[in-house]
């Protein structure tokens, strides 16, 4: 769910409206912002890509880290994606 900005800004290599989705609140250890993408049916995701905000060359906001979670209907919960070694990716 997009809490600030518009999902049209969630496109890689785009500069529209600064070229980024930005969280509503300043990020801290108490704030957990997220961007949810519903693919409607199961897909095999092979990679992710992020970018900082361009903002006409003035943007300095970017994600220093992020995690990927996926929904499991059978468990009715979100699962943090881990690699074959059990490390969070």
N, C-alpha and C. Protein backbone atom coordinates (compact mmCIF):
# COMPACT_ATOMS: atom_id res chain seq x y z
N UNK A 1 0.84 -1.16 0.00
CA UNK A 1 0.00 0.00 0.00
C UNK A 1 0.89 1.23 0.00
N UNK A 2 0.56 2.17 -0.79
CA UNK A 2 1.35 3.39 -0.89
C UNK A 2 0.80 4.38 0.12
N UNK A 3 1.64 4.78 1.07
CA UNK A 3 1.16 5.69 2.11
C UNK A 3 1.45 7.14 1.80
N UNK A 4 2.34 7.41 0.88
CA UNK A 4 2.64 8.79 0.50
C UNK A 4 3.09 8.78 -0.94
N UNK A 5 2.82 9.86 -1.62
CA UNK A 5 3.17 9.88 -3.03
C UNK A 5 2.20 9.00 -3.79
N UNK A 6 2.49 8.78 -5.02
CA UNK A 6 1.60 7.99 -5.86
C UNK A 6 2.32 6.79 -6.41
N UNK A 7 1.57 5.72 -6.67
CA UNK A 7 2.19 4.52 -7.22
C UNK A 7 2.77 4.79 -8.60
N UNK A 8 2.32 5.83 -9.28
CA UNK A 8 2.91 6.16 -10.58
C UNK A 8 4.36 6.58 -10.42
N UNK A 9 4.77 6.94 -9.21
CA UNK A 9 6.16 7.34 -8.95
C UNK A 9 7.02 6.13 -8.61
N UNK A 10 6.44 4.96 -8.56
CA UNK A 10 7.16 3.75 -8.17
C UNK A 10 7.72 3.03 -9.39
N UNK A 11 8.30 3.75 -10.28
CA UNK A 11 8.82 3.17 -11.50
C UNK A 11 10.32 3.41 -11.57
N UNK A 12 11.07 2.37 -11.83
CA UNK A 12 12.53 2.48 -11.90
C UNK A 12 12.92 3.28 -13.13
N UNK A 13 13.97 4.04 -13.01
CA UNK A 13 14.52 4.87 -14.08
C UNK A 13 13.52 5.91 -14.61
N UNK A 14 12.70 6.44 -13.73
CA UNK A 14 11.74 7.49 -14.08
C UNK A 14 12.01 8.71 -13.22
N UNK A 15 11.73 9.88 -13.73
CA UNK A 15 11.93 11.11 -12.99
C UNK A 15 10.63 11.84 -12.68
N UNK A 16 9.50 11.26 -13.04
CA UNK A 16 8.21 11.90 -12.79
C UNK A 16 8.03 12.14 -11.29
N UNK A 17 7.69 13.35 -10.92
CA UNK A 17 7.49 13.74 -9.51
C UNK A 17 8.69 13.38 -8.64
N UNK A 18 9.88 13.57 -9.14
CA UNK A 18 11.09 13.27 -8.36
C UNK A 18 11.59 11.87 -8.59
N UNK A 19 10.83 11.02 -9.25
CA UNK A 19 11.28 9.69 -9.61
C UNK A 19 11.29 8.68 -8.49
N UNK A 20 10.42 8.86 -7.48
CA UNK A 20 10.48 7.93 -6.36
C UNK A 20 9.17 7.90 -5.58
N UNK A 21 8.94 6.79 -4.93
CA UNK A 21 7.94 6.71 -3.88
C UNK A 21 8.66 7.08 -2.61
N UNK A 22 8.06 7.90 -1.79
CA UNK A 22 8.68 8.30 -0.52
C UNK A 22 7.72 7.97 0.62
N UNK A 23 8.25 7.52 1.74
CA UNK A 23 7.38 7.23 2.88
C UNK A 23 6.75 8.50 3.43
N UNK A 24 5.61 8.34 4.08
CA UNK A 24 4.89 9.47 4.63
C UNK A 24 5.66 10.13 5.78
N UNK A 25 6.24 9.32 6.64
CA UNK A 25 6.95 9.84 7.82
C UNK A 25 8.46 9.63 7.68
N UNK A 26 9.22 10.44 8.39
CA UNK A 26 10.67 10.24 8.46
C UNK A 26 10.92 8.85 9.03
N UNK A 27 11.80 8.10 8.41
CA UNK A 27 12.07 6.73 8.83
C UNK A 27 12.92 6.71 10.10
N UNK A 28 12.53 5.84 11.01
CA UNK A 28 13.29 5.60 12.24
C UNK A 28 13.07 4.14 12.61
N UNK A 29 13.67 3.70 13.69
CA UNK A 29 13.52 2.30 14.09
C UNK A 29 12.08 1.98 14.51
N UNK A 30 11.30 3.01 14.84
CA UNK A 30 9.91 2.80 15.25
C UNK A 30 8.93 2.85 14.07
N UNK A 31 9.38 3.34 12.93
CA UNK A 31 8.51 3.50 11.76
C UNK A 31 8.79 2.39 10.77
N UNK A 32 7.73 1.76 10.29
CA UNK A 32 7.89 0.71 9.28
C UNK A 32 7.01 1.05 8.09
N UNK A 33 7.61 1.61 7.08
CA UNK A 33 6.91 1.96 5.85
C UNK A 33 7.10 0.82 4.86
N UNK A 34 6.16 0.69 3.94
CA UNK A 34 6.28 -0.39 2.98
C UNK A 34 5.58 -0.03 1.68
N UNK A 35 5.99 -0.73 0.66
CA UNK A 35 5.37 -0.64 -0.65
C UNK A 35 4.90 -2.04 -0.98
N UNK A 36 3.61 -2.20 -1.18
CA UNK A 36 3.03 -3.52 -1.43
C UNK A 36 2.65 -3.64 -2.90
N UNK A 37 3.05 -4.73 -3.51
CA UNK A 37 2.74 -5.01 -4.91
C UNK A 37 1.95 -6.31 -4.97
N UNK A 38 0.74 -6.24 -5.48
CA UNK A 38 -0.10 -7.44 -5.61
C UNK A 38 0.01 -7.92 -7.05
N UNK A 39 0.66 -9.04 -7.26
CA UNK A 39 0.84 -9.60 -8.60
C UNK A 39 -0.35 -10.45 -9.03
N UNK A 40 -1.34 -10.56 -8.19
CA UNK A 40 -2.62 -11.22 -8.48
C UNK A 40 -2.55 -12.75 -8.53
N UNK A 41 -1.41 -13.30 -8.88
CA UNK A 41 -1.24 -14.76 -8.91
C UNK A 41 0.24 -15.05 -8.66
N UNK A 42 0.59 -16.29 -8.33
CA UNK A 42 1.99 -16.61 -8.05
C UNK A 42 2.92 -16.29 -9.23
N UNK A 43 4.06 -15.73 -8.92
CA UNK A 43 5.11 -15.42 -9.89
C UNK A 43 6.46 -15.81 -9.31
N UNK A 44 7.40 -16.11 -10.14
CA UNK A 44 8.78 -16.32 -9.72
C UNK A 44 9.51 -14.99 -9.90
N UNK A 45 9.90 -14.36 -8.81
CA UNK A 45 10.63 -13.09 -8.86
C UNK A 45 12.11 -13.43 -8.83
N UNK A 46 12.84 -12.96 -9.82
CA UNK A 46 14.26 -13.31 -9.92
C UNK A 46 15.19 -12.20 -9.48
N UNK A 47 14.69 -10.97 -9.37
CA UNK A 47 15.53 -9.87 -8.88
C UNK A 47 14.66 -8.66 -8.53
N UNK A 48 15.25 -7.80 -7.74
CA UNK A 48 14.61 -6.52 -7.41
C UNK A 48 15.61 -5.42 -7.72
N UNK A 49 15.11 -4.21 -7.86
CA UNK A 49 15.98 -3.07 -8.15
C UNK A 49 15.42 -1.85 -7.44
N UNK A 50 16.29 -1.05 -6.88
CA UNK A 50 15.89 0.19 -6.22
C UNK A 50 16.69 1.34 -6.79
N UNK A 51 16.18 2.53 -6.56
CA UNK A 51 16.93 3.74 -6.94
C UNK A 51 16.60 4.83 -5.94
N UNK A 52 17.48 5.78 -5.81
CA UNK A 52 17.21 6.94 -4.98
C UNK A 52 16.36 7.93 -5.74
N UNK A 53 15.94 8.97 -5.05
CA UNK A 53 15.13 10.02 -5.67
C UNK A 53 16.03 10.96 -6.46
N UNK A 54 15.68 11.21 -7.71
CA UNK A 54 16.47 12.09 -8.56
C UNK A 54 16.25 13.54 -8.18
N UNK A 55 15.01 13.98 -8.17
CA UNK A 55 14.67 15.34 -7.74
C UNK A 55 15.47 16.41 -8.46
N UNK A 56 15.55 16.33 -9.79
CA UNK A 56 16.30 17.30 -10.59
C UNK A 56 17.75 17.43 -10.15
N UNK A 57 18.34 16.33 -9.77
CA UNK A 57 19.74 16.32 -9.35
C UNK A 57 19.96 16.70 -7.90
N UNK A 58 18.89 17.05 -7.19
CA UNK A 58 19.00 17.48 -5.80
C UNK A 58 18.59 16.38 -4.81
N UNK A 59 18.02 15.32 -5.30
CA UNK A 59 17.53 14.26 -4.43
C UNK A 59 18.67 13.51 -3.74
N UNK A 60 18.53 13.32 -2.45
CA UNK A 60 19.54 12.58 -1.70
C UNK A 60 18.89 11.47 -0.87
N UNK A 61 17.63 11.18 -1.14
CA UNK A 61 16.94 10.13 -0.40
C UNK A 61 17.08 8.81 -1.14
N UNK A 62 17.41 7.78 -0.42
CA UNK A 62 17.53 6.45 -0.98
C UNK A 62 17.44 5.43 0.14
N UNK A 63 17.10 4.23 -0.23
CA UNK A 63 16.99 3.15 0.77
C UNK A 63 18.38 2.57 1.04
N UNK A 64 18.79 2.60 2.29
CA UNK A 64 20.06 1.99 2.66
C UNK A 64 19.92 0.49 2.80
N UNK A 65 18.71 0.06 3.11
CA UNK A 65 18.44 -1.37 3.19
C UNK A 65 16.94 -1.60 3.05
N UNK A 66 16.58 -2.80 2.64
CA UNK A 66 15.18 -3.17 2.54
C UNK A 66 15.10 -4.68 2.62
N UNK A 67 13.90 -5.18 2.84
CA UNK A 67 13.71 -6.62 2.82
C UNK A 67 12.50 -6.94 1.98
N UNK A 68 12.44 -8.17 1.53
CA UNK A 68 11.33 -8.63 0.70
C UNK A 68 10.52 -9.63 1.53
N UNK A 69 9.22 -9.42 1.57
CA UNK A 69 8.33 -10.36 2.23
C UNK A 69 7.30 -10.83 1.21
N UNK A 70 6.79 -12.01 1.43
CA UNK A 70 5.74 -12.54 0.55
C UNK A 70 4.65 -13.16 1.41
N UNK A 71 3.44 -13.15 0.88
CA UNK A 71 2.27 -13.65 1.60
C UNK A 71 2.07 -15.13 1.32
N UNK A 72 1.85 -15.90 2.37
CA UNK A 72 1.52 -17.33 2.24
C UNK A 72 0.08 -17.52 2.68
N UNK A 73 -0.80 -17.83 1.72
CA UNK A 73 -2.21 -18.03 2.04
C UNK A 73 -2.41 -19.13 3.07
N UNK A 74 -1.66 -20.22 2.92
CA UNK A 74 -1.83 -21.36 3.82
C UNK A 74 -1.51 -21.00 5.28
N UNK A 75 -0.56 -20.08 5.47
CA UNK A 75 -0.16 -19.67 6.82
C UNK A 75 -0.85 -18.39 7.27
N UNK A 76 -1.50 -17.70 6.31
CA UNK A 76 -2.14 -16.42 6.59
C UNK A 76 -1.18 -15.43 7.26
N UNK A 77 0.04 -15.36 6.70
CA UNK A 77 1.01 -14.40 7.23
C UNK A 77 2.08 -14.06 6.19
N UNK A 78 2.77 -12.96 6.45
CA UNK A 78 3.88 -12.54 5.61
C UNK A 78 5.14 -13.26 6.05
N UNK A 79 5.94 -13.70 5.09
CA UNK A 79 7.19 -14.41 5.35
C UNK A 79 8.34 -13.59 4.79
N UNK A 80 9.40 -13.41 5.57
CA UNK A 80 10.59 -12.70 5.08
C UNK A 80 11.35 -13.63 4.15
N UNK A 81 11.65 -13.14 2.95
CA UNK A 81 12.38 -13.95 1.98
C UNK A 81 13.80 -14.16 2.46
N UNK A 82 14.28 -15.41 2.35
CA UNK A 82 15.65 -15.78 2.71
C UNK A 82 16.24 -16.60 1.58
N UNK A 83 17.56 -16.52 1.45
CA UNK A 83 18.23 -17.31 0.41
C UNK A 83 18.38 -18.76 0.86
N UNK A 84 19.03 -19.57 0.06
CA UNK A 84 19.16 -21.00 0.36
C UNK A 84 19.98 -21.28 1.60
N UNK A 85 20.74 -20.28 2.06
CA UNK A 85 21.53 -20.42 3.30
C UNK A 85 20.76 -19.92 4.52
N UNK A 86 19.53 -19.47 4.29
CA UNK A 86 18.72 -18.97 5.41
C UNK A 86 19.00 -17.52 5.76
N UNK A 87 19.73 -16.80 4.92
CA UNK A 87 20.04 -15.39 5.17
C UNK A 87 18.97 -14.50 4.56
N UNK A 88 18.55 -13.49 5.30
CA UNK A 88 17.62 -12.51 4.75
C UNK A 88 18.29 -11.82 3.57
N UNK A 89 17.55 -11.66 2.51
CA UNK A 89 18.09 -11.03 1.30
C UNK A 89 17.63 -9.58 1.25
